[in-house]
Amino acid sequence: MIPLKIAVVLVCFSLLLGNIQTQIKQDSDKNGNCVNKLSEYDGFIMWDSLEYGKSYHSETNGLIRDLKVGEVRFTMAGMVCPGYQMKNGDATLAPIGTPIYRVKGYSEKFRLLVGDDLYEVRHNPDAYSLGDLFDIKGKVFKVTLETDEENPIIKDFTDDASKQFMEELLKLKYVGFQQVYKSRGGLSGEKYFIRIYLQDRSSVLISYWIDENVLTPGVYGNEVTQNIVMSQIDSLP
């Protein structure tokens, strides 16, 4: 498991800039052919026309492989030029032939196991609410608040706050992170992490910018969610 701060930076940066993450600049020969192939990526896969990103922050020991739905058909790292558009079966890092499985108890549109790695949907244009995007209703064990620090303070929501927060959170309209980011002209100010633990001990991690009242993966909070989070922040040691 990589550090919390690094994990969330990778997730948010990937959502903002799209599928391809690289520090290599485009370089063409005199005929316009690509010379430098992209090699530095976050973990992504496209399946059934949806984008999934590798989860760097969740325990996976309690997850059970379900039916195999396919295999990785193409590995992009070191093989494609800038501007390449992902296709179904493409993965940024997973090798060709890596099996892709459903995760037992979850919608295929939310989670997949790519080999032994958990991938979660990053964007679904058909999702109306966060509950449509995240198949976690009725599966939540607890909710925690974590500060944006190298050694974060971690606090469990109270039982009542967890229940109220999840009821409101899953009803929030899903907009998409890129659209939310652009509408705010960027995101700044104080940020917290909210980790949603599920009954199988896996977790979903979201970032919350308290001043903008914005949460990943791309929703605007309402007054209720903001007040609940503020009440937990106010009780931090």
Protein backbone atom coordinates (compact mmCIF):
# COMPACT_ATOMS: atom_id res chain seq x y z
CA MET A 1 0.00 0.00 0.00
CA ILE A 2 1.49 3.35 -0.96
CA PRO A 3 1.20 6.39 1.35
CA LEU A 4 -2.22 8.03 1.53
CA LYS A 5 -1.09 11.40 0.27
CA ILE A 6 0.65 9.94 -2.79
CA ALA A 7 -2.31 7.71 -3.58
CA VAL A 8 -4.83 10.52 -3.61
CA VAL A 9 -2.55 12.83 -5.60
CA LEU A 10 -2.28 10.13 -8.27
CA VAL A 11 -6.04 9.63 -8.37
CA CYS A 12 -6.91 13.32 -8.58
CA PHE A 13 -4.16 14.12 -11.08
CA SER A 14 -5.27 11.27 -13.30
CA LEU A 15 -8.89 12.38 -13.18
CA LEU A 16 -7.96 15.94 -14.04
CA LEU A 17 -5.68 15.30 -16.97
CA GLY A 18 -7.36 12.19 -18.39
CA ASN A 19 -6.00 8.80 -19.20
CA ILE A 20 -2.39 9.51 -20.09
CA GLN A 21 0.18 10.53 -17.49
CA THR A 22 3.69 11.20 -18.69
CA GLN A 23 6.67 13.47 -18.37
CA ILE A 24 7.89 12.65 -21.85
CA LYS A 25 7.33 15.43 -24.38
CA GLN A 26 6.11 14.67 -27.85
CA ASP A 27 8.98 14.35 -30.28
CA SER A 28 8.57 13.63 -33.98
CA ASP A 29 10.98 12.91 -36.75
CA LYS A 30 11.07 14.95 -39.98
CA ASN A 31 8.21 12.88 -41.38
CA GLY A 32 6.00 13.58 -38.39
CA ASN A 33 6.34 10.07 -37.02
CA CYS A 34 6.34 9.62 -33.26
CA VAL A 35 9.81 9.02 -31.85
CA ASN A 36 9.29 9.07 -28.08
CA LYS A 37 6.69 6.56 -26.92
CA LEU A 38 4.87 7.22 -23.66
CA SER A 39 6.08 5.08 -20.79
CA GLU A 40 5.17 6.73 -17.47
CA TYR A 41 1.59 6.06 -16.45
CA ASP A 42 -0.78 5.58 -13.58
CA GLY A 43 -2.67 2.29 -13.61
CA PHE A 44 -5.69 2.50 -15.91
CA ILE A 45 -7.79 0.13 -17.93
CA MET A 46 -10.71 0.63 -20.29
CA TRP A 47 -13.41 -2.00 -20.20
CA ASP A 48 -16.92 -1.92 -21.66
CA SER A 49 -16.26 1.72 -22.63
CA LEU A 50 -15.62 2.74 -18.99
CA GLU A 51 -12.39 4.02 -17.47
CA TYR A 52 -11.09 2.27 -14.35
CA GLY A 53 -8.13 3.28 -12.22
CA LYS A 54 -5.98 1.12 -10.00
CA SER A 55 -6.84 1.42 -6.31
CA TYR A 56 -3.69 2.13 -4.33
CA HIS A 57 -5.37 2.54 -0.97
CA SER A 58 -7.72 -0.39 -0.36
CA GLU A 59 -7.21 -3.72 1.33
CA THR A 60 -8.12 -6.53 -1.06
CA ASN A 61 -7.74 -9.67 1.06
CA GLY A 62 -11.49 -9.86 1.65
CA LEU A 63 -12.42 -9.52 -2.02
CA ILE A 64 -13.48 -12.60 -3.98
CA ARG A 65 -12.95 -13.11 -7.69
CA ASP A 66 -16.14 -13.74 -9.59
CA LEU A 67 -16.55 -14.60 -13.27
CA LYS A 68 -13.72 -13.88 -15.68
CA VAL A 69 -14.96 -11.30 -18.17
CA GLY A 70 -11.91 -11.02 -20.42
CA GLU A 71 -8.21 -10.27 -20.66
CA VAL A 72 -5.99 -7.27 -21.27
CA ARG A 73 -5.58 -6.98 -25.04
CA PHE A 74 -2.96 -4.27 -25.28
CA THR A 75 -0.44 -2.67 -22.92
CA MET A 76 0.15 0.99 -23.67
CA ALA A 77 3.36 1.69 -21.71
CA GLY A 78 6.22 2.18 -24.14
CA MET A 79 4.01 1.36 -27.11
CA VAL A 80 1.92 4.43 -27.95
CA CYS A 81 2.45 8.04 -28.94
CA PRO A 82 1.01 11.19 -27.36
CA GLY A 83 -2.66 11.61 -28.15
CA TYR A 84 -3.42 7.88 -28.25
CA GLN A 85 -7.04 7.16 -27.30
CA MET A 86 -7.66 4.14 -25.09
CA LYS A 87 -9.78 1.31 -26.49
CA ASN A 88 -11.68 -1.45 -24.76
CA GLY A 89 -9.21 -3.97 -23.40
CA ASP A 90 -6.34 -1.46 -23.28
CA ALA A 91 -4.35 -1.14 -20.06
CA THR A 92 -1.64 1.35 -19.26
CA LEU A 93 0.47 -1.05 -17.19
CA ALA A 94 -1.09 -4.52 -16.90
CA PRO A 95 0.53 -7.00 -19.32
CA ILE A 96 -1.30 -8.42 -22.32
CA GLY A 97 -3.23 -11.51 -21.29
CA THR A 98 -3.79 -10.42 -17.68
CA PRO A 99 -7.19 -11.84 -16.72
CA ILE A 100 -10.02 -9.46 -15.82
CA TYR A 101 -12.59 -10.58 -13.27
CA ARG A 102 -15.76 -9.28 -11.74
CA VAL A 103 -15.57 -8.74 -7.99
CA LYS A 104 -18.15 -10.79 -6.13
CA GLY A 105 -20.85 -8.62 -4.59
CA TYR A 106 -20.12 -5.57 -6.74
CA SER A 107 -21.32 -4.27 -10.07
CA GLU A 108 -18.89 -4.75 -12.94
CA LYS A 109 -19.41 -1.06 -13.67
CA PHE A 110 -17.85 -0.19 -10.30
CA ARG A 111 -15.04 -2.67 -9.59
CA LEU A 112 -12.85 -5.13 -11.46
CA LEU A 113 -9.93 -7.31 -10.47
CA VAL A 114 -7.19 -7.11 -13.07
CA GLY A 115 -4.98 -10.00 -12.09
CA ASP A 116 -4.57 -9.43 -8.36
CA ASP A 117 -5.06 -5.66 -8.54
CA LEU A 118 -8.28 -3.85 -7.71
CA TYR A 119 -9.50 -1.29 -10.23
CA GLU A 120 -12.40 1.12 -9.60
CA VAL A 121 -14.40 3.14 -12.10
CA ARG A 122 -13.12 6.68 -12.61
CA HIS A 123 -15.86 7.99 -14.86
CA ASN A 124 -19.24 6.76 -16.07
CA PRO A 125 -21.17 9.19 -18.29
CA ASP A 126 -24.40 7.28 -17.58
CA ALA A 127 -24.18 7.76 -13.79
CA TYR A 128 -26.67 10.33 -12.48
CA SER A 129 -25.77 10.15 -8.79
CA LEU A 130 -22.72 9.08 -6.82
CA GLY A 131 -24.73 6.02 -5.85
CA ASP A 132 -24.94 5.11 -9.53
CA LEU A 133 -21.16 5.36 -9.83
CA PHE A 134 -20.19 3.64 -6.56
CA ASP A 135 -21.95 0.35 -5.86
CA ILE A 136 -21.60 0.61 -2.07
CA LYS A 137 -25.16 1.15 -0.78
CA GLY A 138 -25.81 -1.19 2.14
CA LYS A 139 -22.16 -2.29 2.20
CA VAL A 140 -20.65 0.41 4.46
CA PHE A 141 -18.97 -0.63 7.71
CA LYS A 142 -17.72 2.74 8.91
CA VAL A 143 -16.57 6.17 7.71
CA THR A 144 -13.40 7.94 8.81
CA LEU A 145 -12.00 11.43 8.46
CA GLU A 146 -8.29 11.84 7.77
CA THR A 147 -6.21 15.00 7.64
CA ASP A 148 -3.96 15.91 4.72
CA GLU A 149 -0.64 15.29 6.43
CA GLU A 150 2.30 12.90 6.25
CA ASN A 151 1.14 11.43 9.57
CA PRO A 152 -2.59 12.02 9.34
CA ILE A 153 -4.99 12.25 12.24
CA ILE A 154 -7.68 9.63 11.71
CA LYS A 155 -11.10 9.94 13.32
CA ASP A 156 -14.12 7.69 12.98
CA PHE A 157 -17.40 9.39 12.20
CA THR A 158 -19.98 8.79 14.90
CA ASP A 159 -22.55 6.13 14.00
CA ASP A 160 -25.27 8.72 13.42
CA ALA A 161 -22.97 10.94 11.37
CA SER A 162 -21.85 7.96 9.23
CA LYS A 163 -25.44 6.95 8.49
CA GLN A 164 -26.60 10.48 7.65
CA PHE A 165 -23.50 11.24 5.61
CA MET A 166 -23.78 8.11 3.46
CA GLU A 167 -27.49 8.65 2.84
CA GLU A 168 -26.79 12.15 1.56
CA LEU A 169 -23.53 11.34 -0.23
CA LEU A 170 -24.97 8.65 -2.47
CA LYS A 171 -27.81 10.99 -3.53
CA LEU A 172 -25.45 13.75 -4.70
CA LYS A 173 -25.52 14.41 -8.44
CA TYR A 174 -22.49 13.02 -10.24
CA VAL A 175 -20.88 15.67 -12.44
CA GLY A 176 -17.37 14.38 -13.08
CA PHE A 177 -14.10 15.65 -11.67
CA GLN A 178 -12.89 17.51 -14.74
CA GLN A 179 -16.13 19.49 -14.97
CA VAL A 180 -16.15 20.28 -11.25
CA TYR A 181 -12.51 21.35 -11.37
CA LYS A 182 -13.07 23.64 -14.35
CA SER A 183 -16.21 25.17 -12.85
CA ARG A 184 -14.27 26.14 -9.73
CA GLY A 185 -11.25 27.36 -11.69
CA GLY A 186 -9.14 24.85 -9.80
CA LEU A 187 -9.35 23.58 -6.24
CA SER A 188 -7.44 25.03 -3.32
CA GLY A 189 -7.79 25.56 0.37
CA GLU A 190 -8.10 23.02 3.14
CA LYS A 191 -8.55 19.41 2.05
CA TYR A 192 -9.52 16.32 4.01
CA PHE A 193 -9.81 12.66 3.12
CA ILE A 194 -12.90 10.59 3.78
CA ARG A 195 -12.38 6.85 3.79
CA ILE A 196 -15.45 4.65 3.44
CA TYR A 197 -14.80 1.18 4.83
CA LEU A 198 -16.94 -1.59 3.42
CA GLN A 199 -18.04 -4.78 5.13
CA ASP A 200 -15.36 -6.85 3.38
CA ARG A 201 -12.72 -4.44 4.82
CA SER A 202 -11.95 -2.91 1.44
CA SER A 203 -12.35 0.85 1.27
CA VAL A 204 -13.13 3.74 -1.03
CA LEU A 205 -11.15 6.94 -0.51
CA ILE A 206 -12.44 10.36 -1.53
CA SER A 207 -10.97 13.84 -1.17
CA TYR A 208 -13.02 16.71 0.22
CA TRP A 209 -12.22 20.40 -0.29
CA ILE A 210 -14.15 22.01 2.53
CA ASP A 211 -14.16 25.61 1.22
CA GLU A 212 -15.37 24.65 -2.26
CA ASN A 213 -17.62 21.88 -0.88
CA VAL A 214 -16.36 19.52 -3.59
CA LEU A 215 -15.64 15.81 -3.36
CA THR A 216 -13.93 13.37 -5.67
CA PRO A 217 -14.74 11.66 -7.95
CA GLY A 218 -16.73 14.71 -9.04
CA VAL A 219 -19.70 15.87 -6.97
CA TYR A 220 -20.73 19.07 -5.23
CA GLY A 221 -21.58 18.54 -1.59
CA ASN A 222 -24.78 19.94 -0.15
CA GLU A 223 -25.37 21.77 3.12
CA VAL A 224 -26.08 18.55 4.97
CA THR A 225 -22.85 16.78 3.94
CA GLN A 226 -20.84 19.92 4.62
CA ASN A 227 -22.31 20.34 8.11
CA ILE A 228 -21.68 16.68 8.94
CA VAL A 229 -18.05 16.84 7.88
CA MET A 230 -17.54 20.16 9.69
CA SER A 231 -18.92 18.64 12.88
CA GLN A 232 -16.33 15.86 12.64
CA ILE A 233 -13.54 18.33 11.86
CA ASP A 234 -14.49 20.46 14.87
CA SER A 235 -14.11 17.43 17.14
CA LEU A 236 -10.60 16.55 15.92
CA PRO A 237 -7.98 16.59 18.69
